[in-house]
C-alpha atoms as a PDB file:
ATOM      1  CA  MET A   1     115.262 155.285  79.501  1.00  0.00           C
ATOM      2  CA  ASN A   2     113.653 154.083  76.989  1.00  0.00           C
ATOM      3  CA  PRO A   3     113.339 157.131  74.119  1.00  0.00           C
ATOM      4  CA  ASN A   4     109.339 156.530  74.120  1.00  0.00           C
ATOM      5  CA  SER A   5     108.427 156.905  77.287  1.00  0.00           C
ATOM      6  CA  PHE A   6     106.922 160.384  76.595  1.00  0.00           C
ATOM      7  CA  LEU A   7     103.803 157.663  75.568  1.00  0.00           C
ATOM      8  CA  THR A   8     103.012 156.395  79.166  1.00  0.00           C
ATOM      9  CA  SER A   9     101.036 159.570  79.427  1.00  0.00           C
ATOM     10  CA  SER A  10      99.031 158.390  76.882  1.00  0.00           C
ATOM     11  CA  ILE A  11      96.020 155.738  76.939  1.00  0.00           C
ATOM     12  CA  LEU A  12      96.113 156.200  72.732  1.00  0.00           C
ATOM     13  CA  TYR A  13      99.195 153.369  72.038  1.00  0.00           C
ATOM     14  CA  ASP A  14      98.674 150.875  74.644  1.00  0.00           C
ATOM     15  CA  TRP A  15      98.042 148.426  71.556  1.00  0.00           C
ATOM     16  CA  ILE A  16     101.654 148.705  70.803  1.00  0.00           C
ATOM     17  CA  PRO A  17     103.693 145.313  71.615  1.00  0.00           C
ATOM     18  CA  ASP A  18     106.731 144.962  73.611  1.00  0.00           C
ATOM     19  CA  PHE A  19     109.418 144.615  71.607  1.00  0.00           C
ATOM     20  CA  GLU A  20     108.257 147.619  68.758  1.00  0.00           C
ATOM     21  CA  PHE A  21     107.640 149.770  72.395  1.00  0.00           C
ATOM     22  CA  ASN A  22     110.322 149.149  73.532  1.00  0.00           C
ATOM     23  CA  SER A  23     113.232 149.221  69.515  1.00  0.00           C
ATOM     24  CA  TYR A  24     110.727 150.520  67.071  1.00  0.00           C
ATOM     25  CA  ASP A  25     112.186 154.344  67.471  1.00  0.00           C
ATOM     26  CA  LEU A  26     108.044 155.349  67.511  1.00  0.00           C
ATOM     27  CA  SER A  27     109.334 159.570  68.664  1.00  0.00           C
ATOM     28  CA  ASP A  28     106.939 160.492  65.176  1.00  0.00           C
ATOM     29  CA  LEU A  29     104.212 159.661  67.370  1.00  0.00           C
ATOM     30  CA  VAL A  30     101.554 162.876  68.427  1.00  0.00           C
ATOM     31  CA  VAL A  31     100.436 162.723  72.209  1.00  0.00           C
ATOM     32  CA  LEU A  32      97.135 164.214  72.652  1.00  0.00           C
ATOM     33  CA  ASP A  33      94.912 166.039  74.560  1.00  0.00           C
ATOM     34  CA  GLN A  34      92.771 164.479  77.098  1.00  0.00           C
ATOM     35  CA  GLU A  35      89.369 165.323  75.257  1.00  0.00           C
ATOM     36  CA  LEU A  36      90.985 164.008  71.603  1.00  0.00           C
ATOM     37  CA  GLU A  37      92.282 160.997  73.207  1.00  0.00           C
ATOM     38  CA  LYS A  38      89.322 159.779  74.252  1.00  0.00           C
ATOM     39  CA  GLU A  39      87.969 161.270  70.352  1.00  0.00           C
ATOM     40  CA  CYS A  40      90.411 157.687  69.301  1.00  0.00           C
ATOM     41  CA  LYS A  41      89.047 155.659  72.063  1.00  0.00           C
ATOM     42  CA  THR A  42      85.706 155.901  70.887  1.00  0.00           C
ATOM     43  CA  ILE A  43      86.943 155.098  67.030  1.00  0.00           C
ATOM     44  CA  GLU A  44      88.789 152.783  67.867  1.00  0.00           C
ATOM     45  CA  ASP A  45      86.041 151.290  70.385  1.00  0.00           C
ATOM     46  CA  ARG A  46      83.995 151.626  67.082  1.00  0.00           C
ATOM     47  CA  PHE A  47      85.851 150.029  64.330  1.00  0.00           C
ATOM     48  CA  HIS A  48      87.206 147.612  65.975  1.00  0.00           C
ATOM     49  CA  ALA A  49      90.523 149.202  64.857  1.00  0.00           C
ATOM     50  CA  TYR A  50      93.664 151.182  66.600  1.00  0.00           C
ATOM     51  CA  LEU A  51      94.582 154.584  66.386  1.00  0.00           C
ATOM     52  CA  ALA A  52      97.957 156.513  65.775  1.00  0.00           C
ATOM     53  CA  ILE A  53      98.513 159.910  64.824  1.00  0.00           C
ATOM     54  CA  TYR A  54     101.720 160.946  64.050  1.00  0.00           C
ATOM     55  CA  LYS A  55     103.581 163.702  63.415  1.00  0.00           C
ATOM     56  CA  LYS A  56     102.680 166.132  60.156  1.00  0.00           C
ATOM     57  CA  GLY A  57     104.763 165.786  57.206  1.00  0.00           C
ATOM     58  CA  THR A  58     106.101 161.752  58.937  1.00  0.00           C
ATOM     59  CA  LEU A  59     107.013 159.032  55.848  1.00  0.00           C
ATOM     60  CA  ALA A  60     107.134 155.088  56.535  1.00  0.00           C
ATOM     61  CA  LYS A  61     110.159 154.138  58.742  1.00  0.00           C
ATOM     62  CA  PRO A  62     111.609 150.789  57.922  1.00  0.00           C
ATOM     63  CA  LYS A  63     111.319 149.914  60.426  1.00  0.00           C
ATOM     64  CA  GLY A  64     108.026 151.180  62.115  1.00  0.00           C
ATOM     65  CA  LEU A  65     104.975 150.193  63.432  1.00  0.00           C
ATOM     66  CA  CYS A  66     103.764 150.798  58.823  1.00  0.00           C
ATOM     67  CA  THR A  67     105.614 148.656  57.724  1.00  0.00           C
ATOM     68  CA  THR A  68     104.903 146.111  61.020  1.00  0.00           C
ATOM     69  CA  PHE A  69     101.445 146.268  61.306  1.00  0.00           C
ATOM     70  CA  GLN A  70      98.279 146.455  58.356  1.00  0.00           C
ATOM     71  CA  TYR A  71      96.670 149.192  58.276  1.00  0.00           C
ATOM     72  CA  ALA A  72      92.781 148.608  58.852  1.00  0.00           C
ATOM     73  CA  ILE A  73      90.287 148.462  55.969  1.00  0.00           C
ATOM     74  CA  LEU A  74      87.400 150.813  56.984  1.00  0.00           C
ATOM     75  CA  GLU A  75      84.021 151.122  54.725  1.00  0.00           C
ATOM     76  CA  SER A  76      83.438 154.089  54.017  1.00  0.00           C
ATOM     77  CA  LYS A  77      80.976 154.917  56.838  1.00  0.00           C
ATOM     78  CA  ALA A  78      84.110 154.330  58.780  1.00  0.00           C
ATOM     79  CA  PHE A  79      86.905 156.202  55.979  1.00  0.00           C
ATOM     80  CA  ASP A  80      84.349 159.794  56.439  1.00  0.00           C
ATOM     81  CA  ILE A  81      84.376 159.983  60.019  1.00  0.00           C
ATOM     82  CA  CYS A  82      88.398 159.349  60.502  1.00  0.00           C
ATOM     83  CA  GLN A  83      88.870 161.791  57.914  1.00  0.00           C
ATOM     84  CA  GLU A  84      87.189 164.068  59.519  1.00  0.00           C
ATOM     85  CA  PHE A  85      88.714 163.150  62.876  1.00  0.00           C
ATOM     86  CA  GLU A  86      92.186 164.241  61.116  1.00  0.00           C
ATOM     87  CA  LYS A  87      90.715 166.933  60.584  1.00  0.00           C
ATOM     88  CA  LYS A  88      91.032 168.308  64.561  1.00  0.00           C
ATOM     89  CA  LEU A  89      94.707 166.846  64.461  1.00  0.00           C
ATOM     90  CA  ASP A  90      96.071 170.369  62.631  1.00  0.00           C
ATOM     91  CA  GLY A  91      97.674 169.090  60.443  1.00  0.00           C
ATOM     92  CA  ASN A  92      98.836 165.600  61.369  1.00  0.00           C
ATOM     93  CA  ILE A  93      98.171 162.872  60.578  1.00  0.00           C
ATOM     94  CA  LEU A  94      95.763 159.871  61.386  1.00  0.00           C
ATOM     95  CA  VAL A  95      96.701 156.207  60.963  1.00  0.00           C
ATOM     96  CA  VAL A  96      94.135 153.312  61.840  1.00  0.00           C
ATOM     97  CA  TYR A  97      95.630 150.106  62.001  1.00  0.00           C
ATOM     98  CA  ALA A  98      93.600 146.447  61.660  1.00  0.00           C
ATOM     99  CA  LYS A  99      92.463 145.021  65.391  1.00  0.00           C
ATOM    100  CA  PRO A 100      94.095 142.873  65.752  1.00  0.00           C
ATOM    101  CA  LEU A 101      96.909 143.698  64.563  1.00  0.00           C
ATOM    102  CA  LYS A 102      98.380 141.757  61.677  1.00  0.00           C
ATOM    103  CA  ARG A 103     102.049 141.339  60.410  1.00  0.00           C
ATOM    104  CA  TRP A 104     102.365 142.161  57.265  1.00  0.00           C
END
């Protein structure tokens, strides 16, 4: 069984390519409640980006999403909205990736 299978209960991480999903340790990602996930999807659609929520204290791994995919460049208003949303995450970390995905 894939150790990342807990993420399949979430609609938030369907953007992660199969290779990374099946070979990277994604245990630092958080599955949110349904209401927060819907808010994430709204933000993704509005700002044409992908969102990931990491457990508080998580650091980038040499073989992880942050070291594989480029972050999104957000305009000031989008950045402010993302910061406000992050306050709802109980200390967990919001990372916004470029859409379409771009590798470093």
